């Protein structure tokens, strides 16, 4: 799904300006090229924001 403004507000500024989508299942936040930046409100990870490691 596309990131909403509310979702973007939870992200670090450098990620919010690049990321465009969030997976509804795992919470992966990624851009149009498919680069994953981290995870937001993941049902699996149960955290607000987690950087991809």
C-alpha atoms as a PDB file:
ATOM      1  CA  UNK A   1       0.000   0.000   0.000  1.00  0.00           C
ATOM      2  CA  UNK A   2       1.111   3.576  -0.511  1.00  0.00           C
ATOM      3  CA  UNK A   3       2.445   5.344   2.570  1.00  0.00           C
ATOM      4  CA  UNK A   4       0.007   7.767   4.166  1.00  0.00           C
ATOM      5  CA  UNK A   5       1.058  11.046   5.760  1.00  0.00           C
ATOM      6  CA  UNK A   6       0.477   9.462   9.181  1.00  0.00           C
ATOM      7  CA  UNK A   7       2.861   6.630   8.332  1.00  0.00           C
ATOM      8  CA  UNK A   8       5.458   9.051   6.969  1.00  0.00           C
ATOM      9  CA  UNK A   9       5.329  10.983  10.256  1.00  0.00           C
ATOM     10  CA  UNK A  10       6.579   7.853  12.093  1.00  0.00           C
ATOM     11  CA  UNK A  11       9.602   7.474   9.816  1.00  0.00           C
ATOM     12  CA  UNK A  12      12.993   9.165  10.081  1.00  0.00           C
ATOM     13  CA  UNK A  13      13.032  12.177   7.697  1.00  0.00           C
ATOM     14  CA  UNK A  14      15.653  10.646   5.374  1.00  0.00           C
ATOM     15  CA  UNK A  15      13.465   7.546   4.898  1.00  0.00           C
ATOM     16  CA  UNK A  16      10.174   9.455   4.623  1.00  0.00           C
ATOM     17  CA  UNK A  17      11.473  11.417   1.638  1.00  0.00           C
ATOM     18  CA  UNK A  18      12.522   8.260  -0.279  1.00  0.00           C
ATOM     19  CA  UNK A  19      10.017   5.553   0.669  1.00  0.00           C
ATOM     20  CA  UNK A  20       6.728   5.239  -1.173  1.00  0.00           C
ATOM     21  CA  UNK A  21       5.096   1.999   0.015  1.00  0.00           C
ATOM     22  CA  UNK A  22       4.591  -0.325   2.996  1.00  0.00           C
ATOM     23  CA  UNK A  23       3.845  -4.049   2.914  1.00  0.00           C
ATOM     24  CA  UNK A  24       0.607  -4.748   4.757  1.00  0.00           C
ATOM     25  CA  UNK A  25       1.848  -8.163   5.927  1.00  0.00           C
ATOM     26  CA  UNK A  26       5.412  -7.653   7.163  1.00  0.00           C
ATOM     27  CA  UNK A  27       5.507  -3.846   7.423  1.00  0.00           C
ATOM     28  CA  UNK A  28       8.478  -3.438   5.051  1.00  0.00           C
ATOM     29  CA  UNK A  29       8.877   0.182   3.935  1.00  0.00           C
ATOM     30  CA  UNK A  30      10.288   0.475   0.428  1.00  0.00           C
ATOM     31  CA  UNK A  31      10.624   2.673  -2.645  1.00  0.00           C
ATOM     32  CA  UNK A  32       9.466   2.209  -6.237  1.00  0.00           C
ATOM     33  CA  UNK A  33      12.671   0.296  -7.089  1.00  0.00           C
ATOM     34  CA  UNK A  34      11.984  -2.178  -4.266  1.00  0.00           C
ATOM     35  CA  UNK A  35      14.733  -1.041  -1.890  1.00  0.00           C
ATOM     36  CA  UNK A  36      13.649  -1.836   1.673  1.00  0.00           C
ATOM     37  CA  UNK A  37      14.537   0.794   4.283  1.00  0.00           C
ATOM     38  CA  UNK A  38      13.041  -0.821   7.365  1.00  0.00           C
ATOM     39  CA  UNK A  39       9.795  -1.993   8.910  1.00  0.00           C
ATOM     40  CA  UNK A  40       6.870   0.060  10.221  1.00  0.00           C
ATOM     41  CA  UNK A  41       4.127  -1.235  12.525  1.00  0.00           C
ATOM     42  CA  UNK A  42       4.857  -4.822  11.605  1.00  0.00           C
ATOM     43  CA  UNK A  43       2.401  -7.410  12.899  1.00  0.00           C
ATOM     44  CA  UNK A  44       5.308  -9.859  12.900  1.00  0.00           C
ATOM     45  CA  UNK A  45       7.929  -7.643  14.573  1.00  0.00           C
ATOM     46  CA  UNK A  46       5.491  -5.632  16.734  1.00  0.00           C
ATOM     47  CA  UNK A  47       7.495  -2.386  16.673  1.00  0.00           C
ATOM     48  CA  UNK A  48       6.759   1.142  15.508  1.00  0.00           C
ATOM     49  CA  UNK A  49       9.906   1.540  13.384  1.00  0.00           C
ATOM     50  CA  UNK A  50      12.797  -0.805  12.868  1.00  0.00           C
ATOM     51  CA  UNK A  51      15.754  -0.144  10.580  1.00  0.00           C
ATOM     52  CA  UNK A  52      16.612  -2.852   8.104  1.00  0.00           C
ATOM     53  CA  UNK A  53      19.721  -4.714   9.260  1.00  0.00           C
END
